[in-house]
């Protein structure tokens, strides 16, 4: 079941889409200990991002949430 994307999720997706991001960089920047702000974990669980060869990429489902350019 896919959740509704929040503003922080859109920020994360936009940040990842701007340039290639490594897994370690992404987790360091977006991890949190607050369960209400689990942006990285939620985006991964919702299928908006995935990890490929230590790189984080926005999935097709995540791209649909990005503002048009």
Protein backbone atom coordinates (compact mmCIF):
# COMPACT_ATOMS: atom_id res chain seq x y z
CA UNK A 1 0.00 0.00 0.00
CA UNK A 2 1.42 3.33 -1.07
CA UNK A 3 1.18 6.32 1.21
CA UNK A 4 0.64 9.92 0.21
CA UNK A 5 3.89 11.77 -0.35
CA UNK A 6 4.61 14.57 2.09
CA UNK A 7 6.51 17.77 1.35
CA UNK A 8 9.71 16.32 2.87
CA UNK A 9 9.36 13.26 0.62
CA UNK A 10 9.10 15.51 -2.44
CA UNK A 11 12.21 17.37 -1.21
CA UNK A 12 14.09 14.08 -0.90
CA UNK A 13 13.04 12.92 -4.37
CA UNK A 14 14.00 16.26 -5.88
CA UNK A 15 17.38 16.19 -4.12
CA UNK A 16 18.12 12.67 -5.40
CA UNK A 17 16.95 13.55 -8.92
CA UNK A 18 19.25 16.59 -9.15
CA UNK A 19 22.43 14.50 -9.42
CA UNK A 20 23.64 10.97 -8.70
CA UNK A 21 23.57 10.23 -4.97
CA UNK A 22 25.32 7.44 -3.15
CA UNK A 23 23.60 5.32 -0.55
CA UNK A 24 25.91 6.45 2.28
CA UNK A 25 25.47 10.13 1.39
CA UNK A 26 21.69 9.76 1.24
CA UNK A 27 21.36 7.89 4.51
CA UNK A 28 23.68 10.33 6.27
CA UNK A 29 21.77 13.36 5.06
CA UNK A 30 18.21 12.01 5.42
CA UNK A 31 18.23 9.64 8.38
CA UNK A 32 16.34 10.57 11.51
CA UNK A 33 15.62 9.15 14.91
CA UNK A 34 12.15 10.71 14.93
CA UNK A 35 9.50 8.21 13.80
CA UNK A 36 7.30 11.04 12.55
CA UNK A 37 9.97 12.22 10.12
CA UNK A 38 11.23 8.97 8.63
CA UNK A 39 11.48 10.47 5.15
CA UNK A 40 14.19 8.19 3.77
CA UNK A 41 12.70 5.03 5.25
CA UNK A 42 9.18 5.89 4.08
CA UNK A 43 10.31 6.73 0.53
CA UNK A 44 12.15 3.42 0.32
CA UNK A 45 9.24 1.42 1.75
CA UNK A 46 6.74 3.18 -0.53
CA UNK A 47 8.81 2.35 -3.62
CA UNK A 48 9.63 5.96 -4.51
CA UNK A 49 13.39 5.24 -4.43
CA UNK A 50 15.59 2.17 -4.68
CA UNK A 51 19.27 1.35 -4.25
CA UNK A 52 21.21 0.10 -7.28
CA UNK A 53 24.93 -0.59 -6.97
CA UNK A 54 25.31 1.70 -3.95
CA UNK A 55 23.46 4.50 -5.76
CA UNK A 56 20.03 5.78 -4.84
CA UNK A 57 17.66 6.34 -7.75
CA UNK A 58 14.15 7.69 -8.02
CA UNK A 59 11.74 5.05 -9.32
CA UNK A 60 9.00 5.65 -11.88
CA UNK A 61 6.52 5.92 -8.99
CA UNK A 62 8.73 8.56 -7.37
CA UNK A 63 9.14 10.48 -10.63
CA UNK A 64 5.37 10.79 -10.89
CA UNK A 65 5.47 12.83 -7.67
CA UNK A 66 8.10 15.29 -8.88
CA UNK A 67 6.97 18.70 -10.04
CA UNK A 68 7.23 19.04 -13.82
CA UNK A 69 10.31 20.76 -15.06
